[in-house]
Protein backbone atom coordinates (compact mmCIF):
# COMPACT_ATOMS: atom_id res chain seq x y z
CA UNK A 1 0.00 0.00 0.00
CA UNK A 2 1.28 3.46 -0.89
CA UNK A 3 2.24 5.89 1.84
CA UNK A 4 -0.65 7.65 3.57
CA UNK A 5 -0.21 11.42 3.65
CA UNK A 6 -2.26 14.60 3.91
CA UNK A 7 -4.05 15.65 0.73
CA UNK A 8 -2.22 18.99 0.84
CA UNK A 9 1.13 17.18 0.58
CA UNK A 10 0.32 16.23 -3.02
CA UNK A 11 -0.61 19.67 -4.36
CA UNK A 12 2.59 20.16 -6.36
CA UNK A 13 3.10 16.53 -7.34
CA UNK A 14 2.04 14.59 -10.43
CA UNK A 15 -0.37 12.24 -8.65
CA UNK A 16 -3.99 13.32 -9.07
CA UNK A 17 -6.08 10.33 -7.93
CA UNK A 18 -6.42 9.14 -4.33
CA UNK A 19 -8.37 6.97 -1.94
CA UNK A 20 -9.47 8.62 1.30
CA UNK A 21 -8.02 6.57 4.16
CA UNK A 22 -9.12 8.62 7.15
CA UNK A 23 -10.24 12.08 8.22
CA UNK A 24 -8.71 13.80 11.22
CA UNK A 25 -10.66 16.27 13.31
CA UNK A 26 -13.90 16.42 15.25
CA UNK A 27 -17.40 15.13 14.60
CA UNK A 28 -18.61 18.36 12.97
CA UNK A 29 -15.79 18.39 10.43
CA UNK A 30 -16.36 14.75 9.51
CA UNK A 31 -20.10 15.31 9.12
CA UNK A 32 -19.54 18.35 6.91
CA UNK A 33 -17.08 16.52 4.64
CA UNK A 34 -19.44 13.53 4.57
CA UNK A 35 -22.18 15.80 3.18
CA UNK A 36 -19.75 16.70 0.38
CA UNK A 37 -19.17 12.98 -0.29
CA UNK A 38 -15.68 12.96 1.22
CA UNK A 39 -15.44 9.99 3.56
CA UNK A 40 -13.24 6.93 4.19
CA UNK A 41 -12.96 4.62 1.19
CA UNK A 42 -14.10 7.02 -1.56
CA UNK A 43 -11.95 7.95 -4.54
CA UNK A 44 -11.12 11.62 -5.05
CA UNK A 45 -9.39 13.30 -7.96
CA UNK A 46 -7.46 16.54 -7.56
CA UNK A 47 -8.58 18.99 -10.27
CA UNK A 48 -6.55 22.03 -9.25
CA UNK A 49 -6.28 24.82 -6.72
CA UNK A 50 -6.80 28.56 -6.59
CA UNK A 51 -4.36 30.65 -4.60
CA UNK A 52 -5.30 34.27 -4.24
CA UNK A 53 -5.02 37.41 -2.19
CA UNK A 54 -8.30 38.12 -0.47
CA UNK A 55 -9.02 41.57 0.93
CA UNK A 56 -11.91 41.21 3.32
CA UNK A 57 -15.22 39.33 2.98
CA UNK A 58 -17.20 39.78 -0.23
CA UNK A 59 -20.14 42.22 -0.38
CA UNK A 60 -23.11 41.28 -2.59
CA UNK A 61 -26.34 42.86 -3.83
CA UNK A 62 -29.35 40.72 -4.75
CA UNK A 63 -33.10 41.19 -4.93
CA UNK A 64 -32.95 44.61 -3.27
CA UNK A 65 -30.82 43.62 -0.30
CA UNK A 66 -27.16 43.31 0.66
CA UNK A 67 -25.21 40.35 1.98
CA UNK A 68 -21.66 39.63 3.10
CA UNK A 69 -20.01 36.26 2.42
CA UNK A 70 -16.75 35.01 3.88
CA UNK A 71 -14.11 33.78 1.41
CA UNK A 72 -14.69 30.07 1.98
CA UNK A 73 -18.46 30.38 1.47
CA UNK A 74 -18.16 32.68 -1.57
CA UNK A 75 -15.96 30.12 -3.29
CA UNK A 76 -18.72 27.49 -3.01
CA UNK A 77 -21.21 29.65 -4.95
CA UNK A 78 -21.02 28.83 -8.67
CA UNK A 79 -22.13 31.59 -11.04
CA UNK A 80 -22.95 32.00 -14.74
CA UNK A 81 -21.26 35.22 -15.90
CA UNK A 82 -22.18 35.91 -19.52
CA UNK A 83 -22.13 32.19 -20.31
CA UNK A 84 -18.87 31.53 -18.42
CA UNK A 85 -18.90 29.49 -15.20
CA UNK A 86 -17.09 31.20 -12.33
CA UNK A 87 -16.82 30.83 -8.59
CA UNK A 88 -18.28 33.90 -6.90
CA UNK A 89 -14.90 34.55 -5.29
CA UNK A 90 -13.36 34.98 -8.76
CA UNK A 91 -15.72 37.79 -9.75
CA UNK A 92 -14.70 41.44 -9.71
CA UNK A 93 -16.45 44.42 -8.10
CA UNK A 94 -19.37 45.57 -10.28
CA UNK A 95 -19.65 42.23 -12.08
CA UNK A 96 -23.08 40.54 -12.37
CA UNK A 97 -24.01 36.90 -12.76
CA UNK A 98 -26.71 34.27 -12.27
CA UNK A 99 -26.37 31.73 -9.46
CA UNK A 100 -26.15 28.19 -10.88
CA UNK A 101 -25.52 26.07 -7.79
CA UNK A 102 -23.95 26.00 -4.35
CA UNK A 103 -21.26 23.35 -3.82
CA UNK A 104 -21.81 22.90 -0.08
CA UNK A 105 -23.59 20.58 2.32
CA UNK A 106 -27.38 20.59 2.67
CA UNK A 107 -27.39 22.49 5.96
CA UNK A 108 -25.27 25.32 4.55
CA UNK A 109 -27.37 25.42 1.35
CA UNK A 110 -30.59 25.69 3.38
CA UNK A 111 -29.26 28.61 5.42
CA UNK A 112 -27.96 30.42 2.34
CA UNK A 113 -31.35 29.97 0.69
CA UNK A 114 -32.96 31.75 3.65
CA UNK A 115 -30.72 34.70 2.83
CA UNK A 116 -31.91 34.66 -0.80
CA UNK A 117 -29.03 32.74 -2.37
CA UNK A 118 -30.78 30.22 -4.59
CA UNK A 119 -30.58 29.01 -8.19
CA UNK A 120 -31.28 31.54 -10.95
CA UNK A 121 -30.86 34.53 -8.60
CA UNK A 122 -29.12 37.54 -10.16
CA UNK A 123 -26.20 38.70 -8.01
CA UNK A 124 -23.95 41.74 -8.24
CA UNK A 125 -20.57 41.84 -6.53
CA UNK A 126 -20.15 45.19 -4.78
CA UNK A 127 -16.57 44.47 -3.68
CA UNK A 128 -14.65 43.47 -0.58
CA UNK A 129 -15.88 45.09 2.64
CA UNK A 130 -13.86 46.68 5.42
CA UNK A 131 -12.88 44.40 8.26
CA UNK A 132 -14.65 45.04 11.57
CA UNK A 133 -14.52 43.65 15.07
CA UNK A 134 -17.89 42.51 16.50
CA UNK A 135 -18.28 42.00 20.25
CA UNK A 136 -21.21 39.75 21.13
CA UNK A 137 -22.70 38.64 24.43
CA UNK A 138 -24.50 35.37 25.17
CA UNK A 139 -25.62 34.79 28.76
CA UNK A 140 -22.70 36.22 30.74
CA UNK A 141 -20.05 35.44 28.11
CA UNK A 142 -18.52 37.86 25.60
CA UNK A 143 -16.70 37.01 22.38
CA UNK A 144 -15.11 39.04 19.60
CA UNK A 145 -15.63 38.06 15.94
CA UNK A 146 -14.21 39.36 12.67
CA UNK A 147 -16.47 40.33 9.74
CA UNK A 148 -16.12 36.96 8.02
CA UNK A 149 -17.12 35.10 11.18
CA UNK A 150 -20.03 37.47 11.89
CA UNK A 151 -21.33 36.97 8.34
CA UNK A 152 -21.57 33.21 8.97
CA UNK A 153 -23.96 33.58 11.92
CA UNK A 154 -27.66 33.85 11.06
CA UNK A 155 -29.79 35.68 13.64
CA UNK A 156 -33.59 35.88 13.97
CA UNK A 157 -34.28 39.55 14.60
CA UNK A 158 -37.62 41.36 14.29
CA UNK A 159 -39.16 38.52 12.31
CA UNK A 160 -36.28 38.46 9.82
CA UNK A 161 -33.28 36.21 9.30
CA UNK A 162 -30.22 38.47 9.23
CA UNK A 163 -26.50 37.96 9.21
CA UNK A 164 -24.94 39.10 12.46
CA UNK A 165 -22.78 41.47 10.39
CA UNK A 166 -25.92 43.53 9.62
CA UNK A 167 -26.94 44.08 13.26
CA UNK A 168 -26.23 47.34 15.08
CA UNK A 169 -25.02 47.62 18.69
CA UNK A 170 -27.87 46.92 21.09
CA UNK A 171 -29.68 44.56 18.71
CA UNK A 172 -30.72 41.21 20.13
CA UNK A 173 -31.86 38.01 18.50
CA UNK A 174 -31.69 34.23 18.51
CA UNK A 175 -28.96 32.32 16.69
CA UNK A 176 -30.80 30.49 13.89
CA UNK A 177 -27.91 28.94 12.01
CA UNK A 178 -24.20 28.89 11.24
CA UNK A 179 -23.18 28.89 7.58
CA UNK A 180 -20.41 26.33 7.22
CA UNK A 181 -17.34 27.39 9.16
CA UNK A 182 -16.36 24.23 11.05
CA UNK A 183 -13.63 26.10 12.95
CA UNK A 184 -16.10 28.85 13.90
CA UNK A 185 -18.63 26.29 15.14
CA UNK A 186 -15.99 24.68 17.34
CA UNK A 187 -14.89 28.08 18.67
CA UNK A 188 -18.47 29.05 19.51
CA UNK A 189 -19.11 25.68 21.12
CA UNK A 190 -16.07 26.11 23.37
CA UNK A 191 -17.59 29.42 24.52
CA UNK A 192 -20.97 27.76 25.14
CA UNK A 193 -22.60 29.56 22.20
CA UNK A 194 -24.86 27.60 19.85
CA UNK A 195 -28.03 27.58 17.77
CA UNK A 196 -31.08 28.72 19.74
CA UNK A 197 -29.08 30.93 22.11
CA UNK A 198 -30.10 34.56 22.65
CA UNK A 199 -27.38 36.90 21.43
CA UNK A 200 -26.71 40.63 21.83
CA UNK A 201 -24.34 42.74 19.74
CA UNK A 202 -22.43 44.87 22.26
CA UNK A 203 -20.24 46.82 19.84
CA UNK A 204 -18.72 46.88 16.38
CA UNK A 205 -15.79 48.89 15.11
CA UNK A 206 -13.62 49.02 12.02
CA UNK A 207 -10.12 47.66 12.25
CA UNK A 208 -7.19 49.01 10.24
CA UNK A 209 -8.39 49.06 6.63
CA UNK A 210 -9.25 46.05 4.52
CA UNK A 211 -8.24 42.61 5.67
CA UNK A 212 -5.64 40.87 3.56
CA UNK A 213 -5.40 37.10 3.57
CA UNK A 214 -3.67 34.61 1.33
CA UNK A 215 -6.17 31.88 0.53
CA UNK A 216 -5.97 28.50 -1.15
CA UNK A 217 -9.00 26.54 -2.37
CA UNK A 218 -8.75 22.90 -3.50
CA UNK A 219 -11.04 21.56 -6.26
CA UNK A 220 -11.87 17.86 -6.17
CA UNK A 221 -14.02 15.32 -7.99
CA UNK A 222 -15.52 12.66 -5.70
CA UNK A 223 -16.04 9.18 -7.18
CA UNK A 224 -15.75 10.66 -10.71
CA UNK A 225 -19.06 12.51 -10.27
CA UNK A 226 -19.43 15.23 -7.66
CA UNK A 227 -17.30 18.39 -7.99
CA UNK A 228 -16.56 20.06 -4.65
CA UNK A 229 -14.17 22.64 -3.20
CA UNK A 230 -12.60 22.79 0.26
CA UNK A 231 -10.13 25.13 1.92
CA UNK A 232 -6.58 24.29 2.95
CA UNK A 233 -7.56 23.79 6.60
CA UNK A 234 -10.00 21.01 5.70
CA UNK A 235 -7.73 19.50 3.04
CA UNK A 236 -5.01 19.09 5.67
CA UNK A 237 -7.37 16.85 7.66
CA UNK A 238 -7.96 14.43 4.75
CA UNK A 239 -5.49 11.53 4.79
CA UNK A 240 -5.14 9.82 1.41
CA UNK A 241 -3.27 7.11 -0.42
CA UNK A 242 -2.31 7.66 -4.10
CA UNK A 243 -3.91 5.58 -6.85
CA UNK A 244 -2.20 5.16 -10.20
CA UNK A 245 -4.04 5.27 -13.51
CA UNK A 246 -4.55 1.54 -13.45
CA UNK A 247 -6.41 1.79 -10.16
CA UNK A 248 -3.59 0.30 -8.06
CA UNK A 249 -2.32 1.83 -4.83
């Protein structure tokens, strides 16, 4: 049997086909990858990666309202831009497109649909938004979040489902969902914060300019059928064994 290594170890090599041997990490991570079809025993093919500079979460306009999507979520939204298929993250400020599909698990798709992100929706990219610090309070605990993290938390407020990033200080609501973000879910869980909890936004303030992050997204085909994308953090948790073209390990 070929050596078992992390999927990220093979990025620059010639091998492109693998069998998933195991997945490191907690229950939430395994469940999320399972929804994408990535589990022990399946065959995955590496299709490529996108490395980019990302300056803050992505601002969107659709159906008369505005949204903010973190980098990892924006990359899972597949758009039709004048007949060319693009990931939302690849689009430029001012560019328009039609949403074709969302390459994420069912739970994340359901939450995004509540925000208006569904097939055939026209979306305009307004650009990357300034990074802010959001201080929230749940019970007697306080926690600070960045804009990307705040955009992943869906809050029921005044009969509406809003991203936490659109609340103003003093607003209260109930956490209705978390859009992807396995690491964020684990961080919130450690602080005793979860779905159904009452939350209050204590303060929000801009940090120094636009955030700048180097990102890397991995594109995979699962069992020669399903095309998915995952970030480097998740790819590092996937342990694989190479398969040659003849199907042998």
